[in-house]
Protein backbone atom coordinates (compact mmCIF):
# COMPACT_ATOMS: atom_id res chain seq x y z
CA MET A 1 9.69 12.85 -15.90
CA THR A 2 6.94 15.43 -15.70
CA ASP A 3 7.32 18.64 -13.73
CA LYS A 4 6.70 18.11 -10.01
CA PHE A 5 5.79 21.73 -9.38
CA HIS A 6 2.05 22.37 -9.07
CA ALA A 7 0.07 25.34 -7.84
CA LEU A 8 -1.26 25.30 -4.30
CA LYS A 9 -4.76 25.31 -5.78
CA LYS A 10 -4.26 21.79 -7.15
CA TYR A 11 -3.50 20.45 -3.68
CA ARG A 12 -6.55 22.11 -2.19
CA ASP A 13 -8.73 20.86 -5.03
CA ILE A 14 -7.64 17.22 -4.76
CA LEU A 15 -8.21 17.24 -1.01
CA ALA A 16 -11.65 18.72 -1.54
CA GLU A 17 -12.39 16.14 -4.22
CA MET A 18 -11.49 13.34 -1.79
CA ASN A 19 -13.77 14.88 0.88
CA LEU A 20 -10.84 15.62 3.18
CA LEU A 21 -10.95 19.43 3.14
CA THR A 22 -12.68 21.08 6.12
CA ASP A 23 -11.30 24.64 5.95
CA ASP A 24 -8.73 26.86 4.26
CA ASN A 25 -7.85 30.55 4.00
CA LEU A 26 -6.52 30.51 0.45
CA SER A 27 -7.45 33.75 -1.28
CA ALA A 28 -7.38 34.16 -5.03
CA GLY A 29 -3.88 35.57 -4.76
CA MET A 30 -2.61 32.57 -2.86
CA LEU A 31 -3.96 29.89 -5.19
CA PRO A 32 -1.24 30.25 -7.86
CA ILE A 33 1.59 29.84 -5.29
CA THR A 34 3.94 27.16 -6.57
CA VAL A 35 4.66 24.23 -4.25
CA LYS A 36 8.36 23.43 -4.71
CA SER A 37 8.58 20.57 -2.20
CA ILE A 38 6.53 18.64 0.33
CA SER A 39 7.59 17.58 3.82
CA CYS A 40 6.37 16.56 7.26
CA ASP A 41 9.83 17.08 8.79
CA SER A 42 10.59 20.68 9.74
CA ARG A 43 14.32 19.98 9.36
CA ASP A 44 13.84 19.40 5.61
CA VAL A 45 11.82 22.51 4.83
CA THR A 46 13.09 25.01 2.26
CA ASP A 47 11.53 27.93 0.43
CA GLY A 48 8.22 26.92 -1.16
CA THR A 49 7.63 23.77 0.91
CA LEU A 50 4.11 22.56 1.59
CA PHE A 51 4.45 21.47 5.23
CA VAL A 52 2.26 18.78 6.79
CA CYS A 53 1.66 18.77 10.55
CA LYS A 54 1.29 15.12 11.53
CA GLY A 55 1.99 12.57 14.22
CA VAL A 56 1.18 12.15 17.91
CA GLY A 57 4.56 13.68 18.73
CA PHE A 58 3.94 16.82 16.65
CA LYS A 59 4.77 20.09 18.42
CA GLU A 60 3.77 23.60 17.41
CA GLU A 61 7.43 24.58 17.38
CA PHE A 62 7.88 22.31 14.34
CA LEU A 63 5.40 24.46 12.44
CA ARG A 64 7.13 27.65 13.54
CA THR A 65 10.50 26.28 12.41
CA SER A 66 9.10 25.29 9.03
CA LEU A 67 7.54 28.69 8.43
CA GLU A 68 10.80 30.41 9.33
CA ALA A 69 12.54 28.15 6.80
CA GLY A 70 10.20 29.25 4.01
CA ALA A 71 7.15 26.94 4.06
CA CYS A 72 4.49 28.41 1.76
CA CYS A 73 1.50 26.75 3.47
CA TYR A 74 0.71 24.19 6.16
CA ILE A 75 -1.75 21.32 6.16
CA SER A 76 -3.11 20.13 9.48
CA GLU A 77 -6.12 18.70 11.28
CA GLN A 78 -6.27 21.87 13.39
CA LYS A 79 -5.77 25.59 12.78
CA TYR A 80 -2.93 27.43 14.51
CA GLU A 81 -4.38 30.91 15.16
CA GLU A 82 -1.03 32.46 16.02
CA TYR A 83 0.25 32.21 12.44
CA ASP A 84 -1.18 34.45 9.72
CA VAL A 85 -0.10 32.22 6.82
CA PRO A 86 -1.84 30.08 4.20
CA TYR A 87 -3.34 26.91 5.63
CA ILE A 88 -5.43 23.93 4.56
CA ILE A 89 -7.30 22.03 7.29
CA VAL A 90 -8.21 18.39 6.69
CA ARG A 91 -10.13 15.77 8.61
CA ASP A 92 -7.45 13.05 8.28
CA VAL A 93 -3.89 14.24 7.73
CA ARG A 94 -2.40 10.77 7.09
CA ASN A 95 -5.00 10.10 4.44
CA ALA A 96 -4.34 13.52 2.96
CA MET A 97 -0.61 12.80 2.70
CA THR A 98 -1.21 10.04 0.16
CA TYR A 99 -2.99 12.42 -2.23
CA ILE A 100 -0.42 15.15 -1.69
CA ALA A 101 2.43 12.76 -2.49
CA SER A 102 0.56 11.29 -5.45
CA LEU A 103 0.07 14.76 -6.96
CA TYR A 104 3.58 16.04 -6.24
CA TYR A 105 5.27 12.96 -7.67
CA ASN A 106 2.75 12.53 -10.52
CA ASP A 107 1.87 8.90 -9.58
CA VAL A 108 5.48 7.90 -10.21
CA TRP A 109 4.82 4.35 -8.96
CA LYS A 110 3.05 3.66 -12.24
CA ASN A 111 6.43 3.75 -14.00
CA ILE A 112 7.96 0.78 -12.20
CA ASN A 113 7.14 -2.91 -11.68
CA LEU A 114 6.14 -2.80 -8.03
CA VAL A 115 6.00 -5.85 -5.73
CA GLY A 116 4.59 -5.58 -2.20
CA ILE A 117 4.97 -8.36 0.37
CA THR A 118 3.14 -8.65 3.68
CA GLY A 119 2.97 -11.31 6.40
CA THR A 120 3.90 -11.89 10.01
CA LYS A 121 6.97 -13.96 9.12
CA GLY A 122 9.21 -14.14 6.07
CA LYS A 123 8.80 -10.68 4.50
CA SER A 124 12.48 -9.74 4.59
CA THR A 125 13.80 -13.06 3.31
CA THR A 126 11.24 -13.22 0.51
CA THR A 127 12.02 -9.62 -0.45
CA TYR A 128 15.70 -10.46 -0.87
CA PHE A 129 15.02 -13.73 -2.68
CA GLN A 130 12.97 -11.65 -5.10
CA LYS A 131 15.65 -8.99 -5.45
CA TYR A 132 18.29 -11.59 -6.34
CA ILE A 133 15.99 -13.04 -9.01
CA PHE A 134 15.27 -9.62 -10.48
CA ASP A 135 18.95 -8.65 -10.40
CA ASP A 136 20.03 -11.81 -12.23
CA PHE A 137 17.40 -11.17 -14.88
CA LEU A 138 18.32 -7.48 -15.21
CA ASN A 139 22.04 -8.17 -15.28
CA ALA A 140 21.57 -10.41 -18.31
CA GLY A 141 20.18 -7.40 -20.15
CA ASN A 142 22.79 -4.95 -18.79
CA ARG A 143 20.11 -3.03 -16.94
CA PRO A 144 20.40 -1.39 -13.48
CA LYS A 145 19.83 -3.67 -10.50
CA SER A 146 16.43 -3.63 -8.81
CA ALA A 147 15.39 -1.45 -5.88
CA VAL A 148 14.42 -2.72 -2.46
CA ILE A 149 12.64 -1.27 0.58
CA SER A 150 12.83 -3.59 3.57
CA SER A 151 13.33 -3.72 7.31
CA ILE A 152 16.97 -4.63 6.62
CA ASP A 153 18.14 -2.21 3.91
CA THR A 154 16.81 0.35 1.46
CA TYR A 155 18.21 0.93 -2.03
CA ASP A 156 16.54 3.09 -4.68
CA GLY A 157 19.31 3.87 -7.15
CA VAL A 158 20.21 7.12 -5.39
CA VAL A 159 20.51 6.22 -1.70
CA GLU A 160 21.40 3.01 0.11
CA PHE A 161 21.20 2.64 3.89
CA GLU A 162 20.36 0.33 6.79
CA SER A 163 16.67 0.58 7.59
CA HIS A 164 15.08 0.99 10.99
CA ILE A 165 11.47 0.94 9.83
CA THR A 166 9.77 -1.64 7.61
CA THR A 167 7.71 0.64 5.38
CA PRO A 168 8.60 4.36 5.23
CA GLU A 169 6.16 7.22 5.68
CA THR A 170 4.27 8.20 2.54
CA PHE A 171 6.47 11.13 1.47
CA ASP A 172 9.65 9.08 1.94
CA LEU A 173 8.12 6.14 0.10
CA TYR A 174 7.25 8.25 -2.92
CA LYS A 175 10.73 9.77 -2.90
CA HIS A 176 12.19 6.25 -3.14
CA PHE A 177 9.88 5.47 -6.06
CA ASP A 178 10.95 8.70 -7.76
CA ASN A 179 14.63 7.97 -7.20
CA ALA A 180 14.22 4.50 -8.67
CA VAL A 181 12.43 5.72 -11.78
CA SER A 182 14.97 8.54 -12.23
CA SER A 183 17.70 5.87 -12.05
CA ASN A 184 16.05 3.83 -14.82
CA ILE A 185 15.24 1.00 -12.41
CA ASN A 186 12.55 -1.36 -13.68
CA TYR A 187 11.65 -3.36 -10.54
CA LEU A 188 11.15 -2.50 -6.88
CA THR A 189 10.37 -5.04 -4.16
CA MET A 190 9.17 -3.83 -0.77
CA GLU A 191 7.88 -5.09 2.54
CA VAL A 192 4.47 -3.69 3.40
CA SER A 193 3.84 -3.65 7.15
CA SER A 194 0.47 -3.80 8.85
CA GLN A 195 1.12 -0.33 10.28
CA ALA A 196 1.76 1.06 6.79
CA LEU A 197 -1.51 -0.44 5.57
CA LYS A 198 -3.50 0.63 8.60
CA TYR A 199 -2.27 4.23 8.47
CA ASP A 200 -2.60 4.66 4.70
CA ARG A 201 1.09 4.99 3.79
CA THR A 202 0.42 3.01 0.60
CA LEU A 203 -3.13 4.21 -0.04
CA GLY A 204 -3.78 4.90 -3.72
CA ILE A 205 -0.86 2.79 -4.91
CA THR A 206 -1.62 -0.25 -7.06
CA PHE A 207 1.03 -2.96 -6.78
CA ASP A 208 1.73 -5.04 -9.86
CA VAL A 209 2.00 -7.99 -7.47
CA GLY A 210 0.79 -8.05 -3.88
CA CYS A 211 1.92 -11.06 -1.88
CA TYR A 212 0.35 -12.45 1.30
CA LEU A 213 2.59 -14.86 3.25
CA ASN A 214 0.93 -15.69 6.57
CA ILE A 215 -0.64 -14.33 9.74
CA GLY A 216 0.16 -14.76 13.41
CA ILE A 217 -0.64 -12.85 16.57
CA ASP A 218 1.76 -9.91 16.69
CA HIS A 219 1.86 -6.11 17.04
CA ILE A 220 -1.12 -6.10 19.39
CA SER A 221 -0.85 -3.14 21.76
CA ASP A 222 -2.43 0.20 22.58
CA ILE A 223 -0.21 1.99 20.04
CA GLU A 224 -0.30 -0.60 17.22
CA HIS A 225 -3.31 -2.87 16.62
CA SER A 226 -6.10 -3.05 19.17
CA ASP A 227 -6.72 -6.76 18.57
CA PHE A 228 -6.05 -9.59 16.11
CA GLU A 229 -8.91 -8.62 13.82
CA ASP A 230 -7.50 -5.11 13.46
CA TYR A 231 -4.09 -6.60 12.61
CA PHE A 232 -5.49 -9.16 10.17
CA SER A 233 -7.75 -6.64 8.42
CA ALA A 234 -4.80 -4.31 7.92
CA LYS A 235 -2.76 -7.08 6.29
CA LEU A 236 -5.61 -7.91 3.93
CA LYS A 237 -5.66 -4.35 2.57
CA LEU A 238 -2.66 -5.17 0.37
CA LEU A 239 -4.82 -7.59 -1.60
CA GLU A 240 -7.30 -4.80 -2.29
CA GLN A 241 -4.69 -2.75 -4.12
CA CYS A 242 -2.83 -5.10 -6.45
CA ASN A 243 -3.27 -6.37 -10.00
CA THR A 244 -2.02 -9.87 -9.21
CA ALA A 245 -2.40 -11.39 -5.75
CA VAL A 246 0.02 -14.13 -4.71
CA VAL A 247 -1.34 -16.06 -1.72
CA ASN A 248 0.03 -18.83 0.51
CA VAL A 249 -2.68 -21.49 0.29
CA ASP A 250 -1.19 -23.26 3.34
CA CYS A 251 -1.55 -20.26 5.64
CA GLU A 252 -4.04 -20.00 8.48
CA TYR A 253 -7.36 -18.38 7.42
CA ALA A 254 -6.40 -19.05 3.78
CA GLN A 255 -10.00 -19.08 2.57
CA ARG A 256 -10.71 -15.61 3.94
CA VAL A 257 -7.49 -14.34 2.38
CA LEU A 258 -8.39 -15.88 -0.98
CA ASN A 259 -11.89 -14.41 -0.85
CA VAL A 260 -10.43 -10.90 -0.52
CA ALA A 261 -7.85 -11.57 -3.25
CA ARG A 262 -10.38 -12.96 -5.71
CA LYS A 263 -12.78 -10.10 -5.08
CA ASN A 264 -10.21 -7.38 -5.75
CA ALA A 265 -7.28 -8.61 -7.86
CA LYS A 266 -7.39 -9.24 -11.59
CA ASN A 267 -5.37 -12.41 -11.16
CA VAL A 268 -4.71 -14.74 -8.19
CA ILE A 269 -1.82 -17.20 -7.91
CA THR A 270 -1.60 -19.59 -4.96
CA PHE A 271 1.53 -21.28 -3.68
CA GLY A 272 2.40 -23.85 -1.03
CA THR A 273 2.93 -27.56 -0.54
CA SER A 274 -0.73 -28.44 -0.95
CA LYS A 275 -1.70 -30.29 -4.12
CA ASN A 276 -4.20 -27.59 -5.06
CA ALA A 277 -1.55 -24.81 -5.08
CA ASP A 278 -0.87 -23.17 -8.44
CA VAL A 279 2.84 -23.24 -7.61
CA ARG A 280 3.54 -26.35 -5.52
CA GLY A 281 6.71 -27.23 -3.65
CA TYR A 282 7.70 -30.82 -2.91
CA ASP A 283 10.60 -33.24 -2.44
CA VAL A 284 12.55 -31.07 0.02
CA ARG A 285 16.09 -32.19 0.88
CA ILE A 286 18.67 -30.74 3.26
CA THR A 287 22.38 -30.85 2.49
CA GLU A 288 25.27 -29.37 4.44
CA ASP A 289 25.17 -26.03 2.66
CA GLN A 290 21.78 -25.74 0.96
CA LEU A 291 18.11 -26.64 0.76
CA ILE A 292 17.02 -28.41 -2.42
CA PHE A 293 13.39 -28.80 -3.52
CA ARG A 294 11.22 -29.09 -6.57
CA ALA A 295 8.51 -26.66 -7.61
CA CYS A 296 5.92 -27.18 -10.29
CA CYS A 297 3.19 -25.17 -11.98
CA GLU A 298 1.43 -25.29 -15.34
CA ASP A 299 4.58 -24.07 -17.11
CA PHE A 300 7.42 -26.00 -15.44
CA ASP A 301 8.50 -28.69 -12.97
CA GLU A 302 12.04 -27.82 -11.88
CA GLU A 303 14.57 -28.39 -9.12
CA PHE A 304 15.58 -25.29 -7.15
CA SER A 305 18.17 -24.71 -4.43
CA ILE A 306 18.77 -21.99 -1.84
CA GLY A 307 21.86 -21.36 0.25
CA LEU A 308 19.95 -20.45 3.41
CA HIS A 309 19.22 -22.99 6.14
CA GLY A 310 15.82 -23.25 7.81
CA LEU A 311 13.07 -25.37 6.33
CA PHE A 312 10.72 -22.39 6.49
CA ASN A 313 12.82 -20.76 3.77
CA VAL A 314 11.36 -23.20 1.24
CA GLN A 315 8.06 -21.40 1.65
CA ASN A 316 9.78 -18.04 1.17
CA ALA A 317 11.43 -19.36 -1.98
CA LEU A 318 8.09 -20.63 -3.31
CA THR A 319 6.74 -17.13 -2.78
CA ALA A 320 9.49 -15.58 -4.88
CA ILE A 321 9.00 -18.24 -7.56
CA SER A 322 5.29 -17.39 -7.70
CA ILE A 323 5.92 -13.63 -7.89
CA SER A 324 8.48 -14.14 -10.64
CA HIS A 325 6.11 -16.43 -12.54
CA ALA A 326 3.41 -13.74 -12.31
CA LEU A 327 5.81 -11.21 -13.84
CA ASN A 328 6.98 -13.59 -16.60
CA ILE A 329 10.56 -13.86 -15.35
CA PRO A 330 12.15 -16.83 -17.18
CA VAL A 331 12.67 -19.86 -14.94
CA GLU A 332 16.42 -19.89 -15.61
CA PHE A 333 16.77 -16.57 -13.76
CA ILE A 334 14.47 -17.71 -10.96
CA LYS A 335 16.75 -20.71 -10.40
CA SER A 336 20.02 -18.79 -10.64
CA GLY A 337 18.76 -15.91 -8.49
CA LEU A 338 17.57 -18.19 -5.68
CA LYS A 339 20.82 -20.15 -5.76
CA LYS A 340 22.83 -16.95 -5.26
CA ALA A 341 20.47 -15.34 -2.75
CA ARG A 342 21.80 -14.32 0.64
CA VAL A 343 20.02 -12.28 3.26
CA SER A 344 22.18 -10.24 5.60
CA GLY A 345 21.65 -11.33 9.20
CA ARG A 346 19.15 -14.04 8.27
CA MET A 347 19.96 -17.65 9.20
CA GLU A 348 23.71 -17.00 9.18
CA ILE A 349 25.54 -19.98 10.66
CA PHE A 350 28.93 -19.74 12.40
CA ARG A 351 31.08 -22.54 13.82
CA ALA A 352 33.69 -22.49 16.57
CA LYS A 353 37.22 -23.33 15.42
CA ASN A 354 37.95 -26.08 17.90
CA CYS A 355 34.65 -27.83 18.52
CA GLU A 356 31.18 -28.58 17.11
CA LEU A 357 29.59 -25.49 18.67
CA PHE A 358 27.43 -23.57 16.18
CA ALA A 359 25.81 -20.15 16.44
CA ILE A 360 22.88 -19.10 14.26
CA VAL A 361 22.26 -15.36 13.86
CA ASP A 362 18.75 -14.53 12.70
CA TYR A 363 16.20 -11.72 12.80
CA ALA A 364 13.51 -13.95 14.38
CA HIS A 365 11.58 -11.67 16.71
CA ASN A 366 7.96 -12.82 16.99
CA LYS A 367 6.04 -15.96 17.89
CA MET A 368 5.83 -17.40 14.36
CA SER A 369 9.50 -16.84 13.57
CA PHE A 370 10.62 -18.17 17.00
CA GLU A 371 8.59 -21.35 16.61
CA ALA A 372 9.84 -21.87 13.07
CA LEU A 373 13.46 -21.27 14.10
CA PHE A 374 13.34 -23.73 17.00
CA GLU A 375 11.52 -26.34 14.91
CA SER A 376 13.99 -26.08 12.05
CA THR A 377 17.02 -26.11 14.37
CA ARG A 378 15.81 -29.21 16.20
CA LYS A 379 15.29 -31.02 12.88
CA GLN A 380 18.65 -30.00 11.48
CA TYR A 381 20.61 -30.59 14.70
CA PRO A 382 18.69 -33.39 16.48
CA GLY A 383 19.56 -34.02 20.11
CA ARG A 384 21.82 -30.99 20.48
CA PRO A 385 21.31 -28.59 23.41
CA ILE A 386 19.99 -25.20 22.29
CA SER A 387 20.54 -21.87 24.05
CA ILE A 388 19.22 -18.51 22.94
CA VAL A 389 20.02 -14.78 23.21
CA PHE A 390 17.06 -12.43 22.71
CA GLY A 391 15.06 -9.48 24.00
CA CYS A 392 11.92 -7.52 23.12
CA PRO A 393 11.32 -3.92 21.99
CA GLY A 394 10.09 -1.23 24.31
CA TYR A 395 6.47 -0.12 24.50
CA LYS A 396 5.20 -2.12 21.51
CA ALA A 397 4.24 -5.67 20.50
CA LEU A 398 3.82 -6.34 24.21
CA GLY A 399 2.47 -9.85 23.66
CA ARG A 400 5.87 -10.97 22.41
CA ARG A 401 7.27 -10.93 25.94
CA ARG A 402 4.96 -13.73 26.98
CA GLU A 403 5.08 -15.60 23.66
CA LEU A 404 8.86 -15.56 23.22
CA GLY A 405 9.43 -16.25 26.90
CA GLU A 406 7.17 -19.30 26.78
CA ILE A 407 8.80 -20.66 23.61
CA ALA A 408 12.33 -20.13 24.94
CA GLY A 409 11.41 -21.62 28.31
CA LYS A 410 9.99 -24.68 26.62
CA TYR A 411 12.72 -25.41 24.06
CA ALA A 412 15.99 -23.75 25.18
CA GLU A 413 18.39 -25.24 27.69
CA MET A 414 19.38 -21.69 28.62
CA SER A 415 18.07 -18.25 27.72
CA TYR A 416 20.05 -15.01 27.87
CA ILE A 417 17.68 -12.03 27.99
CA THR A 418 19.13 -8.74 26.81
CA GLU A 419 18.60 -5.35 25.19
CA GLU A 420 16.70 -5.25 21.90
CA ASP A 421 15.59 -1.75 20.90
CA ALA A 422 14.15 -0.96 24.31
CA GLY A 423 13.69 2.70 23.43
CA ALA A 424 12.42 4.66 26.40
CA GLU A 425 11.42 1.58 28.42
CA PRO A 426 13.98 0.22 30.91
CA VAL A 427 15.72 -2.90 29.61
CA MET A 428 15.44 -4.55 33.02
CA GLN A 429 11.68 -4.01 33.09
CA ILE A 430 11.27 -5.73 29.73
CA SER A 431 13.70 -8.51 30.66
CA GLU A 432 12.02 -9.34 33.95
CA GLU A 433 8.66 -9.63 32.22
CA ILE A 434 10.14 -12.06 29.67
CA ALA A 435 11.86 -13.98 32.48
CA SER A 436 8.59 -14.52 34.32
CA HIS A 437 7.24 -16.49 31.35
CA ILE A 438 10.44 -18.52 30.99
CA ARG A 439 10.11 -19.50 34.67
CA GLU A 440 6.53 -20.62 34.10
CA GLN A 441 7.86 -23.17 31.61
CA GLY A 442 10.59 -24.33 33.98
CA GLY A 443 13.33 -22.83 31.82
CA LYS A 444 16.67 -21.46 32.92
CA TYR A 445 17.69 -17.90 32.14
CA GLU A 446 20.06 -15.06 32.91
CA ILE A 447 19.41 -11.36 32.38
CA ILE A 448 22.40 -9.52 30.94
CA GLU A 449 21.44 -6.05 29.76
CA ASP A 450 24.57 -5.44 27.69
CA ARG A 451 24.03 -7.33 24.42
CA ARG A 452 27.73 -7.92 23.81
CA GLU A 453 28.12 -9.46 27.26
CA ALA A 454 25.01 -11.59 26.77
CA ILE A 455 26.39 -13.08 23.55
CA LYS A 456 29.76 -13.56 25.22
CA ALA A 457 28.18 -15.47 28.10
CA ALA A 458 26.13 -17.63 25.72
CA VAL A 459 29.23 -18.62 23.76
CA GLN A 460 31.43 -19.23 26.78
CA ASN A 461 28.82 -21.29 28.66
CA ALA A 462 27.53 -23.41 25.78
CA PRO A 463 28.63 -27.07 25.58
CA ASP A 464 30.96 -28.09 22.74
CA ASN A 465 28.09 -29.68 20.79
CA GLY A 466 25.62 -26.88 21.48
CA ILE A 467 23.61 -24.62 19.19
CA ILE A 468 23.26 -20.94 20.11
CA LEU A 469 20.41 -18.94 18.59
CA ILE A 470 21.13 -15.20 18.54
CA THR A 471 17.94 -13.51 17.44
CA GLY A 472 16.28 -10.19 16.74
CA LYS A 473 19.04 -7.92 15.40
CA GLY A 474 20.98 -9.83 12.73
CA ARG A 475 23.48 -7.48 11.12
CA GLU A 476 21.78 -4.31 12.33
CA THR A 477 24.28 -1.78 13.64
CA ARG A 478 21.94 0.34 15.76
CA GLN A 479 20.08 0.04 19.04
CA LYS A 480 17.11 2.25 19.86
CA ARG A 481 17.74 3.90 23.21
CA GLY A 482 15.28 6.57 24.21
CA LYS A 483 14.26 8.29 20.97
CA GLU A 484 17.67 7.88 19.34
CA TYR A 485 19.31 5.08 17.37
CA ILE A 486 22.78 4.47 18.78
CA GLU A 487 25.54 2.98 16.62
CA THR A 488 26.71 -0.43 17.86
CA PRO A 489 28.47 -3.52 16.50
CA SER A 490 26.11 -6.14 15.07
CA ASP A 491 25.22 -9.55 16.48
CA VAL A 492 27.42 -11.04 13.77
CA ASP A 493 30.35 -8.93 14.97
CA PHE A 494 29.86 -10.09 18.56
CA THR A 495 29.37 -13.71 17.50
CA GLU A 496 32.57 -13.80 15.48
CA GLU A 497 34.49 -12.04 18.26
CA PHE A 498 33.71 -14.73 20.83
CA LEU A 499 32.95 -17.88 18.83
CA TYR A 500 36.16 -17.90 16.82
CA SER A 501 38.26 -17.70 19.98
CA ARG A 502 36.34 -20.53 21.66
């Protein structure tokens, strides 16, 4: 690893080179100051930190705290006259952060095989399918297991924790890359959210493989994406910064996606069930404990199996097969990795002890995933009554309240509306909005704010041959209330508590 410590002058110069610098007060004596760390969190500042003032929630007190802790300079979009300290003023602080991180960490991402996955549905499952494949391959060579950055968990060789954001902020992201490389990790798979792409968290990074799954209407709000085009355009950015683009040829707007991929990537691999896909899936069969299918490309025609239910997971598996093929992973490890793959909180099926009542715990939380979950459940359990437990987050993705309410009202015998990361918005306010759309479809519902009690009611009231869908939280052990994440048992914990005593 090369030395991370650079003079303050280098940071000013790179920002000037990228046409981001608007002002600074760095005298000749200040230019040689050594930057010992970078941060945008005043709680992490130590002596010699280059502190970045960013975010709509930024307060001047954060700057004061950082300076008291030893920050050597601040970077901001505005000057704070009260403080007679070195400063660098930029026109776009988020954009600037990518160049600051790139310099501090010496483009560390170049030292790892980096896979980025984007899409409205299937990112998490595909990410873990890919991790299992990589890990099987690496284990055969006695090498460290691969790293992962997802909305479920993060592991980089140094830290491992439950995530509460899909793609970290730029400085955190680079720190994960650095940890992985320092731990001699060869592969890292990550979810790349539309917000990360829109706000330049991955700007300047070139992914070895960038994967595009699908697009649906989601994350449209005043604080996320202004409209569908803004959302779609953000997703497409991933294909502008990868060496190999892996694209779902069956997805909506596939031709536009392919046009972007072919214009920017050195290599494009398509996958899907269409005959013109480079990696084609066919002959899908469902057994009691697995999905079996065949996949073919120019190099093989093989049978694969996955231990996750849900027909939509065949597409996720085809994605991982295509990524692995692009990276020359031998097919034997693709097959063995997929067969072993499990995704915490994703399509986990539980059965009551004394009857044919099943509960399915899944992270489904938007229109595409809800529709796919209901469709798959109805095919796998034909004629069985379906009930559902779900909610919506506070003050974001506002369209979900109508979309999920309409889907639940149309397909569920009973809906239990409950808390799901409401944040600062009242749970009852969110729930009543969802309920209005269930009513429009003639569906039945009950609002139970306490999530444990909602799952309890769903289990106790379901018929013996029923199917209960418990969506949105999976095995997450935190609820966002206000600005804090509060520790709580997971949906799996609640499901097992009530279902096994049924």
